């Protein structure tokens, strides 16, 4: 694998060598998951998470508006260089989306629903915490920067 690197304990970027020695991407990921999980699923460390944010749209009675705001936030996050997994599935319950989110283990979950949009907010929750909080849509990028989301 060309160009792969990691950040060593001293902060220096060093090349990541791979060969036929029994350690590869699959085993590396398995070791990370073994060390970072709970009863709900994976808890990816920010440094190796496949995405920084899991954006979940919960379409209710006003699905068109919810998707419009969610699509806009998704674009803003991408434009800011934030790696986002966007769950815009319809016909799936909120509970199922939340369970899937916990199972996948992305470090930060943002939820947009009829309730949050009415308050011009998003529900913000770190995968490592049990409680969520509302943050205004205007401060999402700032909060993500402060939480070290890529």
N, C-alpha and C. Protein backbone atom coordinates (compact mmCIF):
# COMPACT_ATOMS: atom_id res chain seq x y z
N UNK A 1 0.84 -1.17 0.00
CA UNK A 1 0.00 0.00 0.00
C UNK A 1 0.89 1.23 0.00
N UNK A 2 0.80 2.02 -1.02
CA UNK A 2 1.66 3.19 -1.15
C UNK A 2 1.06 4.39 -0.43
N UNK A 3 1.92 5.15 0.22
CA UNK A 3 1.51 6.42 0.81
C UNK A 3 0.80 6.34 2.14
N UNK A 4 0.62 5.15 2.70
CA UNK A 4 -0.05 5.02 3.99
C UNK A 4 0.90 5.46 5.10
N UNK A 5 0.36 6.17 6.08
CA UNK A 5 1.20 6.62 7.18
C UNK A 5 0.40 6.65 8.47
N UNK A 6 1.10 6.80 9.57
CA UNK A 6 0.48 6.92 10.88
C UNK A 6 1.25 7.97 11.66
N UNK A 7 0.62 8.45 12.74
CA UNK A 7 1.28 9.43 13.59
C UNK A 7 1.83 8.69 14.81
N UNK A 8 3.15 8.73 14.98
CA UNK A 8 3.81 8.03 16.08
C UNK A 8 3.60 8.79 17.39
N UNK A 9 3.98 8.17 18.50
CA UNK A 9 3.81 8.77 19.82
C UNK A 9 4.49 10.13 19.92
N UNK A 10 5.58 10.31 19.19
CA UNK A 10 6.30 11.59 19.24
C UNK A 10 5.68 12.64 18.33
N UNK A 11 4.55 12.31 17.68
CA UNK A 11 3.86 13.26 16.81
C UNK A 11 4.34 13.28 15.38
N UNK A 12 5.38 12.52 15.08
CA UNK A 12 5.92 12.49 13.72
C UNK A 12 5.12 11.52 12.85
N UNK A 13 4.92 11.92 11.59
CA UNK A 13 4.24 11.04 10.65
C UNK A 13 5.26 10.05 10.09
N UNK A 14 4.91 8.76 10.14
CA UNK A 14 5.82 7.71 9.69
C UNK A 14 5.08 6.80 8.72
N UNK A 15 5.84 6.17 7.81
CA UNK A 15 5.19 5.29 6.83
C UNK A 15 4.65 4.02 7.49
N UNK A 16 3.57 3.55 6.95
CA UNK A 16 2.93 2.33 7.41
C UNK A 16 3.28 1.25 6.40
N UNK A 17 4.09 0.30 6.80
CA UNK A 17 4.51 -0.76 5.89
C UNK A 17 3.63 -1.98 6.07
N UNK A 18 3.30 -2.58 4.97
CA UNK A 18 2.51 -3.80 5.03
C UNK A 18 3.23 -4.88 4.23
N UNK A 19 3.06 -6.08 4.66
CA UNK A 19 3.66 -7.19 3.95
C UNK A 19 2.89 -8.45 4.29
N UNK A 20 3.49 -9.57 4.05
CA UNK A 20 2.85 -10.86 4.33
C UNK A 20 3.31 -11.39 5.68
N UNK A 21 3.19 -10.58 6.70
CA UNK A 21 3.66 -10.98 8.03
C UNK A 21 2.51 -11.23 8.98
N UNK A 22 1.30 -11.34 8.47
CA UNK A 22 0.16 -11.65 9.32
C UNK A 22 -0.60 -10.44 9.82
N UNK A 23 -0.07 -9.24 9.59
CA UNK A 23 -0.81 -8.05 9.99
C UNK A 23 -1.15 -7.28 8.73
N UNK A 24 -2.40 -6.97 8.60
CA UNK A 24 -2.88 -6.19 7.46
C UNK A 24 -4.01 -5.31 7.92
N UNK A 25 -4.68 -4.69 6.98
CA UNK A 25 -5.77 -3.78 7.30
C UNK A 25 -6.87 -4.50 8.08
N UNK A 26 -7.26 -5.67 7.65
CA UNK A 26 -8.33 -6.41 8.32
C UNK A 26 -8.02 -6.71 9.77
N UNK A 27 -6.81 -7.18 10.03
CA UNK A 27 -6.42 -7.49 11.41
C UNK A 27 -6.25 -6.22 12.23
N UNK A 28 -5.75 -5.17 11.60
CA UNK A 28 -5.61 -3.90 12.31
C UNK A 28 -6.98 -3.39 12.74
N UNK A 29 -7.94 -3.42 11.82
CA UNK A 29 -9.30 -2.98 12.16
C UNK A 29 -9.91 -3.86 13.24
N UNK A 30 -9.71 -5.15 13.14
CA UNK A 30 -10.24 -6.07 14.16
C UNK A 30 -9.65 -5.77 15.53
N UNK A 31 -8.37 -5.45 15.58
CA UNK A 31 -7.73 -5.12 16.86
C UNK A 31 -8.32 -3.82 17.43
N UNK A 32 -8.56 -2.85 16.58
CA UNK A 32 -9.16 -1.59 17.03
C UNK A 32 -10.55 -1.84 17.59
N UNK A 33 -11.35 -2.61 16.86
CA UNK A 33 -12.71 -2.90 17.31
C UNK A 33 -12.69 -3.70 18.62
N UNK A 34 -11.77 -4.63 18.75
CA UNK A 34 -11.66 -5.41 19.98
C UNK A 34 -11.37 -4.51 21.18
N UNK A 35 -10.57 -3.49 20.95
CA UNK A 35 -10.20 -2.58 22.04
C UNK A 35 -11.23 -1.47 22.26
N UNK A 36 -12.03 -1.17 21.24
CA UNK A 36 -12.94 -0.02 21.32
C UNK A 36 -14.36 -0.43 20.93
N UNK A 37 -15.07 -0.99 21.86
CA UNK A 37 -16.46 -1.38 21.63
C UNK A 37 -17.21 -1.38 22.96
N UNK A 38 -18.52 -1.46 22.87
CA UNK A 38 -19.34 -1.64 24.05
C UNK A 38 -20.47 -2.59 23.68
N UNK A 39 -21.48 -2.70 24.52
CA UNK A 39 -22.56 -3.65 24.27
C UNK A 39 -23.42 -3.29 23.07
N UNK A 40 -23.32 -2.05 22.59
CA UNK A 40 -24.12 -1.61 21.45
C UNK A 40 -23.39 -1.74 20.12
N UNK A 41 -22.05 -1.82 20.17
CA UNK A 41 -21.30 -1.94 18.92
C UNK A 41 -19.94 -1.29 19.00
N UNK A 42 -19.44 -0.89 17.85
CA UNK A 42 -18.11 -0.30 17.73
C UNK A 42 -18.14 1.12 18.30
N UNK A 43 -17.01 1.54 18.87
CA UNK A 43 -16.81 2.93 19.30
C UNK A 43 -15.50 3.38 18.67
N UNK A 44 -15.57 3.82 17.41
CA UNK A 44 -14.35 4.18 16.69
C UNK A 44 -13.65 5.36 17.34
N UNK A 45 -12.34 5.25 17.58
CA UNK A 45 -11.57 6.43 18.00
C UNK A 45 -11.58 7.42 16.83
N UNK A 46 -11.61 8.71 17.13
CA UNK A 46 -11.67 9.74 16.09
C UNK A 46 -10.53 9.56 15.08
N UNK A 47 -9.36 9.18 15.55
CA UNK A 47 -8.19 9.10 14.67
C UNK A 47 -8.30 8.06 13.57
N UNK A 48 -9.14 7.06 13.73
CA UNK A 48 -9.25 5.99 12.71
C UNK A 48 -10.68 5.76 12.24
N UNK A 49 -11.62 6.58 12.68
CA UNK A 49 -13.02 6.39 12.30
C UNK A 49 -13.20 6.55 10.80
N UNK A 50 -14.05 5.73 10.19
CA UNK A 50 -14.27 5.85 8.75
C UNK A 50 -14.99 7.15 8.38
N UNK A 51 -15.74 7.72 9.31
CA UNK A 51 -16.41 9.01 9.16
C UNK A 51 -16.30 9.72 10.49
N UNK A 52 -16.34 11.04 10.46
CA UNK A 52 -16.30 11.83 11.70
C UNK A 52 -17.70 12.02 12.28
N UNK A 53 -18.69 12.13 11.39
CA UNK A 53 -20.06 12.46 11.81
C UNK A 53 -21.05 11.53 11.12
N UNK A 54 -22.06 11.11 11.90
CA UNK A 54 -23.18 10.36 11.35
C UNK A 54 -24.39 11.29 11.41
N UNK A 55 -24.81 11.79 10.26
CA UNK A 55 -25.95 12.70 10.17
C UNK A 55 -27.19 11.86 9.90
N UNK A 56 -28.19 12.02 10.77
CA UNK A 56 -29.42 11.24 10.66
C UNK A 56 -30.60 12.18 10.47
N UNK A 57 -31.34 11.99 9.39
CA UNK A 57 -32.57 12.74 9.14
C UNK A 57 -33.75 11.87 9.55
N UNK A 58 -34.61 12.42 10.40
CA UNK A 58 -35.81 11.71 10.83
C UNK A 58 -37.03 12.38 10.20
N UNK A 59 -37.45 11.90 9.02
CA UNK A 59 -38.58 12.54 8.36
C UNK A 59 -39.86 12.27 9.12
N UNK A 60 -40.53 13.30 9.47
CA UNK A 60 -41.82 13.17 10.14
C UNK A 60 -42.90 13.67 9.22
N UNK A 61 -43.81 14.42 9.80
CA UNK A 61 -44.92 14.97 9.01
C UNK A 61 -44.43 15.97 7.97
N UNK A 62 -43.31 16.63 8.26
CA UNK A 62 -42.76 17.64 7.36
C UNK A 62 -41.47 17.12 6.72
N UNK A 63 -41.55 15.96 6.11
CA UNK A 63 -40.36 15.29 5.58
C UNK A 63 -39.62 16.15 4.56
N UNK A 64 -40.35 16.85 3.70
CA UNK A 64 -39.71 17.65 2.67
C UNK A 64 -38.80 18.71 3.29
N UNK A 65 -39.28 19.40 4.31
CA UNK A 65 -38.48 20.43 4.98
C UNK A 65 -37.31 19.81 5.73
N UNK A 66 -37.55 18.69 6.39
CA UNK A 66 -36.48 18.02 7.15
C UNK A 66 -35.37 17.60 6.20
N UNK A 67 -35.71 17.00 5.07
CA UNK A 67 -34.70 16.60 4.10
C UNK A 67 -34.00 17.80 3.49
N UNK A 68 -34.72 18.88 3.28
CA UNK A 68 -34.11 20.08 2.73
C UNK A 68 -33.04 20.62 3.67
N UNK A 69 -33.37 20.74 4.95
CA UNK A 69 -32.40 21.24 5.95
C UNK A 69 -31.26 20.24 6.12
N UNK A 70 -31.57 18.95 6.14
CA UNK A 70 -30.54 17.91 6.30
C UNK A 70 -29.58 17.90 5.12
N UNK A 71 -30.13 18.00 3.91
CA UNK A 71 -29.28 18.03 2.71
C UNK A 71 -28.35 19.25 2.74
N UNK A 72 -28.88 20.38 3.17
CA UNK A 72 -28.08 21.60 3.24
C UNK A 72 -26.95 21.44 4.25
N UNK A 73 -27.26 20.89 5.44
CA UNK A 73 -26.23 20.68 6.46
C UNK A 73 -25.19 19.69 5.96
N UNK A 74 -25.64 18.63 5.30
CA UNK A 74 -24.72 17.64 4.74
C UNK A 74 -23.74 18.29 3.78
N UNK A 75 -24.25 19.14 2.88
CA UNK A 75 -23.39 19.84 1.92
C UNK A 75 -22.41 20.77 2.63
N UNK A 76 -22.89 21.49 3.64
CA UNK A 76 -22.01 22.39 4.39
C UNK A 76 -20.88 21.63 5.09
N UNK A 77 -21.22 20.48 5.65
CA UNK A 77 -20.20 19.68 6.33
C UNK A 77 -19.16 19.17 5.32
N UNK A 78 -19.63 18.67 4.20
CA UNK A 78 -18.70 18.20 3.17
C UNK A 78 -17.81 19.33 2.66
N UNK A 79 -18.41 20.49 2.43
CA UNK A 79 -17.64 21.65 1.95
C UNK A 79 -16.59 22.07 2.98
N UNK A 80 -16.85 21.83 4.26
CA UNK A 80 -15.90 22.19 5.32
C UNK A 80 -14.87 21.08 5.54
N UNK A 81 -14.95 20.00 4.76
CA UNK A 81 -13.97 18.92 4.87
C UNK A 81 -14.28 17.90 5.95
N UNK A 82 -15.52 17.90 6.44
CA UNK A 82 -15.93 16.93 7.45
C UNK A 82 -16.41 15.66 6.74
N UNK A 83 -15.91 14.52 7.16
CA UNK A 83 -16.33 13.24 6.58
C UNK A 83 -17.63 12.82 7.23
N UNK A 84 -18.69 12.68 6.42
CA UNK A 84 -20.04 12.47 6.94
C UNK A 84 -20.68 11.25 6.31
N UNK A 85 -21.32 10.44 7.15
CA UNK A 85 -22.20 9.39 6.69
C UNK A 85 -23.62 9.91 6.90
N UNK A 86 -24.39 9.99 5.84
CA UNK A 86 -25.73 10.60 5.88
C UNK A 86 -26.78 9.52 5.78
N UNK A 87 -27.58 9.36 6.83
CA UNK A 87 -28.66 8.38 6.86
C UNK A 87 -29.95 9.11 6.52
N UNK A 88 -30.35 9.03 5.27
CA UNK A 88 -31.58 9.66 4.83
C UNK A 88 -32.62 8.60 4.43
N UNK A 89 -32.49 7.43 5.01
CA UNK A 89 -33.43 6.35 4.70
C UNK A 89 -34.84 6.73 5.14
N UNK A 90 -35.81 6.33 4.35
CA UNK A 90 -37.21 6.49 4.72
C UNK A 90 -37.76 5.10 5.02
N UNK A 91 -38.86 5.06 5.74
CA UNK A 91 -39.47 3.78 6.06
C UNK A 91 -38.72 3.01 7.15
N UNK A 92 -37.79 3.69 7.82
CA UNK A 92 -37.02 3.08 8.91
C UNK A 92 -37.28 3.91 10.17
N UNK A 93 -37.56 3.24 11.27
CA UNK A 93 -37.88 3.97 12.50
C UNK A 93 -36.66 4.69 13.07
N UNK A 94 -36.93 5.69 13.89
CA UNK A 94 -35.85 6.42 14.56
C UNK A 94 -35.03 5.46 15.41
N UNK A 95 -35.68 4.58 16.12
CA UNK A 95 -34.97 3.61 16.97
C UNK A 95 -34.02 2.74 16.18
N UNK A 96 -34.45 2.31 15.00
CA UNK A 96 -33.59 1.49 14.15
C UNK A 96 -32.38 2.29 13.65
N UNK A 97 -32.62 3.54 13.28
CA UNK A 97 -31.51 4.40 12.84
C UNK A 97 -30.51 4.62 13.98
N UNK A 98 -31.02 4.85 15.19
CA UNK A 98 -30.13 5.06 16.33
C UNK A 98 -29.35 3.79 16.66
N UNK A 99 -30.01 2.64 16.61
CA UNK A 99 -29.32 1.37 16.87
C UNK A 99 -28.24 1.12 15.83
N UNK A 100 -28.55 1.39 14.57
CA UNK A 100 -27.55 1.24 13.51
C UNK A 100 -26.38 2.19 13.73
N UNK A 101 -26.69 3.41 14.15
CA UNK A 101 -25.64 4.40 14.40
C UNK A 101 -24.71 3.92 15.51
N UNK A 102 -25.28 3.41 16.60
CA UNK A 102 -24.45 2.89 17.69
C UNK A 102 -23.62 1.70 17.23
N UNK A 103 -24.21 0.82 16.44
CA UNK A 103 -23.52 -0.37 15.95
C UNK A 103 -22.32 0.01 15.08
N UNK A 104 -22.53 0.99 14.19
CA UNK A 104 -21.46 1.45 13.30
C UNK A 104 -20.37 2.17 14.08
N UNK A 105 -20.77 2.97 15.08
CA UNK A 105 -19.81 3.56 16.01
C UNK A 105 -19.12 4.83 15.61
N UNK A 106 -19.67 5.58 14.68
CA UNK A 106 -19.06 6.85 14.27
C UNK A 106 -19.02 7.79 15.48
N UNK A 107 -17.92 8.52 15.68
CA UNK A 107 -17.73 9.30 16.91
C UNK A 107 -18.82 10.31 17.27
N UNK A 108 -19.42 10.96 16.28
CA UNK A 108 -20.42 11.99 16.57
C UNK A 108 -21.68 11.73 15.75
N UNK A 109 -22.82 11.85 16.43
CA UNK A 109 -24.11 11.70 15.75
C UNK A 109 -24.85 13.03 15.79
N UNK A 110 -25.33 13.47 14.63
CA UNK A 110 -26.17 14.65 14.52
C UNK A 110 -27.53 14.20 14.01
N UNK A 111 -28.60 14.59 14.70
CA UNK A 111 -29.95 14.19 14.31
C UNK A 111 -30.77 15.44 14.00
N UNK A 112 -31.42 15.39 12.85
CA UNK A 112 -32.35 16.45 12.47
C UNK A 112 -33.74 15.85 12.38
N UNK A 113 -34.66 16.48 13.09
CA UNK A 113 -36.04 16.01 13.13
C UNK A 113 -36.97 17.21 13.10
N UNK A 114 -38.25 16.96 13.10
CA UNK A 114 -39.23 18.04 13.11
C UNK A 114 -39.02 18.90 14.35
N UNK A 115 -38.77 18.28 15.50
CA UNK A 115 -38.57 19.00 16.75
C UNK A 115 -37.30 19.87 16.71
N UNK A 116 -36.19 19.29 16.26
CA UNK A 116 -34.93 20.05 16.28
C UNK A 116 -34.96 21.18 15.26
N UNK A 117 -35.53 20.93 14.10
CA UNK A 117 -35.57 21.96 13.06
C UNK A 117 -36.47 23.11 13.49
N UNK A 118 -37.56 22.81 14.21
CA UNK A 118 -38.43 23.87 14.73
C UNK A 118 -37.65 24.81 15.64
N UNK A 119 -36.61 24.29 16.28
CA UNK A 119 -35.77 25.10 17.17
C UNK A 119 -34.47 25.54 16.49
N UNK A 120 -34.38 25.36 15.17
CA UNK A 120 -33.17 25.70 14.40
C UNK A 120 -31.94 25.05 15.02
N UNK A 121 -32.09 23.78 15.40
CA UNK A 121 -31.03 23.05 16.11
C UNK A 121 -30.85 21.66 15.54
N UNK A 122 -29.79 21.02 16.00
CA UNK A 122 -29.53 19.61 15.72
C UNK A 122 -29.24 18.94 17.05
N UNK A 123 -29.62 17.68 17.16
CA UNK A 123 -29.27 16.91 18.36
C UNK A 123 -27.85 16.39 18.16
N UNK A 124 -26.98 16.69 19.10
CA UNK A 124 -25.55 16.35 19.02
C UNK A 124 -25.26 15.32 20.11
N UNK A 125 -24.62 14.21 19.72
CA UNK A 125 -24.27 13.18 20.70
C UNK A 125 -22.96 12.53 20.31
N UNK A 126 -22.05 12.44 21.27
CA UNK A 126 -20.83 11.69 21.05
C UNK A 126 -21.13 10.22 21.32
N UNK A 127 -20.51 9.35 20.54
CA UNK A 127 -20.73 7.90 20.71
C UNK A 127 -20.27 7.43 22.07
N UNK A 128 -19.31 8.11 22.67
CA UNK A 128 -18.77 7.71 23.96
C UNK A 128 -19.60 8.22 25.13
N UNK A 129 -20.64 9.01 24.86
CA UNK A 129 -21.47 9.58 25.93
C UNK A 129 -22.89 9.06 25.82
N UNK A 130 -23.60 9.08 26.94
CA UNK A 130 -24.97 8.57 26.93
C UNK A 130 -26.01 9.66 26.68
N UNK A 131 -25.66 10.91 26.91
CA UNK A 131 -26.61 12.01 26.77
C UNK A 131 -26.33 12.82 25.51
N UNK A 132 -27.41 13.32 24.92
CA UNK A 132 -27.29 14.21 23.78
C UNK A 132 -27.66 15.62 24.22
N UNK A 133 -27.36 16.59 23.34
CA UNK A 133 -27.74 17.97 23.63
C UNK A 133 -28.08 18.65 22.32
N UNK A 134 -28.85 19.71 22.41
CA UNK A 134 -29.19 20.47 21.22
C UNK A 134 -28.15 21.55 20.99
N UNK A 135 -27.74 21.68 19.74
CA UNK A 135 -26.85 22.78 19.35
C UNK A 135 -27.51 23.49 18.17
N UNK A 136 -27.31 24.79 18.08
CA UNK A 136 -27.93 25.52 16.98
C UNK A 136 -27.27 25.11 15.66
N UNK A 137 -28.04 25.16 14.60
CA UNK A 137 -27.50 24.79 13.29
C UNK A 137 -26.33 25.69 12.90
N UNK A 138 -26.36 26.94 13.36
CA UNK A 138 -25.28 27.86 13.05
C UNK A 138 -23.97 27.56 13.73
N UNK A 139 -24.01 26.78 14.81
CA UNK A 139 -22.77 26.48 15.53
C UNK A 139 -22.27 25.05 15.34
N UNK A 140 -22.88 24.31 14.43
CA UNK A 140 -22.49 22.91 14.23
C UNK A 140 -21.01 22.79 13.86
N UNK A 141 -20.55 23.56 12.90
CA UNK A 141 -19.14 23.45 12.48
C UNK A 141 -18.19 23.82 13.61
N UNK A 142 -18.52 24.84 14.37
CA UNK A 142 -17.66 25.24 15.49
C UNK A 142 -17.59 24.13 16.54
N UNK A 143 -18.72 23.54 16.88
CA UNK A 143 -18.75 22.46 17.87
C UNK A 143 -17.95 21.26 17.36
N UNK A 144 -18.06 20.95 16.08
CA UNK A 144 -17.31 19.83 15.51
C UNK A 144 -15.80 20.12 15.55
N UNK A 145 -15.41 21.34 15.26
CA UNK A 145 -13.98 21.70 15.34
C UNK A 145 -13.47 21.55 16.76
N UNK A 146 -14.27 21.99 17.73
CA UNK A 146 -13.87 21.89 19.13
C UNK A 146 -13.78 20.44 19.60
N UNK A 147 -14.59 19.58 19.00
CA UNK A 147 -14.57 18.17 19.39
C UNK A 147 -13.56 17.37 18.58
N UNK A 148 -12.80 18.06 17.73
CA UNK A 148 -11.73 17.47 16.92
C UNK A 148 -12.24 16.55 15.83
N UNK A 149 -13.50 16.74 15.40
CA UNK A 149 -14.00 15.95 14.28
C UNK A 149 -13.31 16.41 13.01
N UNK A 150 -12.89 15.46 12.18
CA UNK A 150 -12.19 15.80 10.94
C UNK A 150 -13.15 16.36 9.95
